Amino acid sequence: MLGLTLLLCANAMAQGNRYTIKGRVIDNNDQAVPGVTVLLRGSGSTDRQLETTSVADGSYVLGVSVPPGSYSLTFSSIGYTALNQRLAWTVRSRQ
């Protein structure tokens, strides 16, 4: 099994409650891995689930509207070991 390397540019760029998570999936030889399933899954009260697939250059984009909370971001593809990344959205007041 080959491993996936994740370049998580988790550009959780916020506009209101809308976020963009984007990055690139590469293998151990720094080659792009297309066709990787990218799954964002909430836990607890945030049980929402969103999915996308990496394209030819390994990049992926998830545009999400989710409430603050804990999430897991899972990357999986046939022939590769799945990779799981934990994320948390929080709301901070500006001073």
C-alpha atoms as a PDB file:
ATOM      1  CA  MET A   1       0.000   0.000   0.000  1.00  0.00           C
ATOM      2  CA  LEU A   2       1.284   3.415  -0.883  1.00  0.00           C
ATOM      3  CA  GLY A   3       0.796   6.298   1.478  1.00  0.00           C
ATOM      4  CA  LEU A   4      -0.891   9.572   0.672  1.00  0.00           C
ATOM      5  CA  THR A   5       0.784  12.814   1.534  1.00  0.00           C
ATOM      6  CA  LEU A   6      -1.595  15.617   2.189  1.00  0.00           C
ATOM      7  CA  LEU A   7      -0.851  19.213   1.379  1.00  0.00           C
ATOM      8  CA  LEU A   8      -3.707  20.647   3.349  1.00  0.00           C
ATOM      9  CA  CYS A   9      -3.900  24.268   2.484  1.00  0.00           C
ATOM     10  CA  ALA A  10      -6.901  24.230   4.751  1.00  0.00           C
ATOM     11  CA  ASN A  11      -7.620  27.664   3.587  1.00  0.00           C
ATOM     12  CA  ALA A  12     -10.612  27.756   5.818  1.00  0.00           C
ATOM     13  CA  MET A  13     -11.316  31.138   4.339  1.00  0.00           C
ATOM     14  CA  ALA A  14     -14.480  32.348   5.939  1.00  0.00           C
ATOM     15  CA  GLN A  15     -17.222  34.480   4.510  1.00  0.00           C
ATOM     16  CA  GLY A  16     -20.082  34.397   6.954  1.00  0.00           C
ATOM     17  CA  ASN A  17     -20.594  30.715   7.720  1.00  0.00           C
ATOM     18  CA  ARG A  18     -19.118  29.619   4.382  1.00  0.00           C
ATOM     19  CA  TYR A  19     -15.643  28.124   4.300  1.00  0.00           C
ATOM     20  CA  THR A  20     -13.381  26.850   1.550  1.00  0.00           C
ATOM     21  CA  ILE A  21     -11.109  23.923   2.290  1.00  0.00           C
ATOM     22  CA  LYS A  22      -8.638  23.229  -0.473  1.00  0.00           C
ATOM     23  CA  GLY A  23      -5.419  21.359  -0.918  1.00  0.00           C
ATOM     24  CA  ARG A  24      -3.529  18.857  -3.022  1.00  0.00           C
ATOM     25  CA  VAL A  25      -3.015  15.117  -2.608  1.00  0.00           C
ATOM     26  CA  ILE A  26       0.384  13.697  -3.577  1.00  0.00           C
ATOM     27  CA  ASP A  27       2.040  10.307  -3.108  1.00  0.00           C
ATOM     28  CA  ASN A  28       5.374   9.539  -1.451  1.00  0.00           C
ATOM     29  CA  ASN A  29       7.136  10.455  -4.722  1.00  0.00           C
ATOM     30  CA  ASP A  30       5.522  13.920  -4.830  1.00  0.00           C
ATOM     31  CA  GLN A  31       3.278  12.845  -7.723  1.00  0.00           C
ATOM     32  CA  ALA A  32      -0.317  14.077  -7.882  1.00  0.00           C
ATOM     33  CA  VAL A  33      -2.985  11.515  -6.969  1.00  0.00           C
ATOM     34  CA  PRO A  34      -6.260  12.049  -8.852  1.00  0.00           C
ATOM     35  CA  GLY A  35      -9.490  10.314  -7.879  1.00  0.00           C
ATOM     36  CA  VAL A  36      -8.982  10.473  -4.111  1.00  0.00           C
ATOM     37  CA  THR A  37     -12.230  10.731  -2.163  1.00  0.00           C
ATOM     38  CA  VAL A  38     -12.138  13.649   0.283  1.00  0.00           C
ATOM     39  CA  LEU A  39     -14.834  13.359   2.960  1.00  0.00           C
ATOM     40  CA  LEU A  40     -15.645  15.994   5.590  1.00  0.00           C
ATOM     41  CA  ARG A  41     -17.682  14.489   8.416  1.00  0.00           C
ATOM     42  CA  GLY A  42     -18.982  16.227  11.519  1.00  0.00           C
ATOM     43  CA  SER A  43     -19.077  14.655  14.946  1.00  0.00           C
ATOM     44  CA  GLY A  44     -21.485  15.111  17.809  1.00  0.00           C
ATOM     45  CA  SER A  45     -24.102  17.741  17.070  1.00  0.00           C
ATOM     46  CA  THR A  46     -22.447  18.579  13.721  1.00  0.00           C
ATOM     47  CA  ASP A  47     -23.275  15.345  11.922  1.00  0.00           C
ATOM     48  CA  ARG A  48     -23.105  16.855   8.452  1.00  0.00           C
ATOM     49  CA  GLN A  49     -21.164  15.070   5.718  1.00  0.00           C
ATOM     50  CA  LEU A  50     -19.703  16.513   2.485  1.00  0.00           C
ATOM     51  CA  GLU A  51     -17.603  14.822  -0.189  1.00  0.00           C
ATOM     52  CA  THR A  52     -15.482  15.684  -3.223  1.00  0.00           C
ATOM     53  CA  THR A  53     -12.788  14.007  -5.352  1.00  0.00           C
ATOM     54  CA  SER A  54      -9.276  15.168  -6.227  1.00  0.00           C
ATOM     55  CA  VAL A  55      -8.761  16.047  -9.905  1.00  0.00           C
ATOM     56  CA  ALA A  56      -5.900  15.304 -12.350  1.00  0.00           C
ATOM     57  CA  ASP A  57      -3.343  17.531 -10.573  1.00  0.00           C
ATOM     58  CA  GLY A  58      -4.349  16.124  -7.155  1.00  0.00           C
ATOM     59  CA  SER A  59      -6.142  19.271  -6.079  1.00  0.00           C
ATOM     60  CA  TYR A  60      -9.511  19.348  -4.327  1.00  0.00           C
ATOM     61  CA  VAL A  61     -11.902  22.035  -3.131  1.00  0.00           C
ATOM     62  CA  LEU A  62     -14.712  21.756  -0.621  1.00  0.00           C
ATOM     63  CA  GLY A  63     -16.992  24.765  -0.281  1.00  0.00           C
ATOM     64  CA  VAL A  64     -18.817  24.232   2.971  1.00  0.00           C
ATOM     65  CA  SER A  65     -21.440  25.939   5.064  1.00  0.00           C
ATOM     66  CA  VAL A  66     -21.144  24.283   8.426  1.00  0.00           C
ATOM     67  CA  PRO A  67     -21.620  25.386  12.023  1.00  0.00           C
ATOM     68  CA  PRO A  68     -18.672  25.603  14.418  1.00  0.00           C
ATOM     69  CA  GLY A  69     -17.666  22.226  15.824  1.00  0.00           C
ATOM     70  CA  SER A  70     -15.388  19.216  15.398  1.00  0.00           C
ATOM     71  CA  TYR A  71     -14.911  17.527  12.036  1.00  0.00           C
ATOM     72  CA  SER A  72     -12.789  14.846  10.433  1.00  0.00           C
ATOM     73  CA  LEU A  73     -11.377  15.128   6.942  1.00  0.00           C
ATOM     74  CA  THR A  74     -10.708  11.690   5.433  1.00  0.00           C
ATOM     75  CA  PHE A  75      -8.747  10.949   2.255  1.00  0.00           C
ATOM     76  CA  SER A  76      -9.159   7.520   0.672  1.00  0.00           C
ATOM     77  CA  SER A  77      -8.407   5.810  -2.612  1.00  0.00           C
ATOM     78  CA  ILE A  78      -7.973   2.229  -3.801  1.00  0.00           C
ATOM     79  CA  GLY A  79      -4.361   1.134  -3.383  1.00  0.00           C
ATOM     80  CA  TYR A  80      -3.553   3.767  -0.748  1.00  0.00           C
ATOM     81  CA  THR A  81      -3.750   3.849   3.025  1.00  0.00           C
ATOM     82  CA  ALA A  82      -6.528   6.211   4.155  1.00  0.00           C
ATOM     83  CA  LEU A  83      -5.507   9.400   5.918  1.00  0.00           C
ATOM     84  CA  ASN A  84      -7.661  11.091   8.553  1.00  0.00           C
ATOM     85  CA  GLN A  85      -7.202  14.708   9.684  1.00  0.00           C
ATOM     86  CA  ARG A  86      -9.147  16.310  12.541  1.00  0.00           C
ATOM     87  CA  LEU A  87     -10.406  19.881  12.135  1.00  0.00           C
ATOM     88  CA  ALA A  88     -12.253  22.253  14.431  1.00  0.00           C
ATOM     89  CA  TRP A  89     -14.215  25.375  13.569  1.00  0.00           C
ATOM     90  CA  THR A  90     -14.504  27.943  16.302  1.00  0.00           C
ATOM     91  CA  VAL A  91     -16.048  31.374  16.494  1.00  0.00           C
ATOM     92  CA  ARG A  92     -14.021  34.144  18.078  1.00  0.00           C
ATOM     93  CA  SER A  93     -15.251  37.622  18.657  1.00  0.00           C
ATOM     94  CA  ARG A  94     -13.191  40.484  17.272  1.00  0.00           C
ATOM     95  CA  GLN A  95     -11.982  43.072  19.702  1.00  0.00           C
END
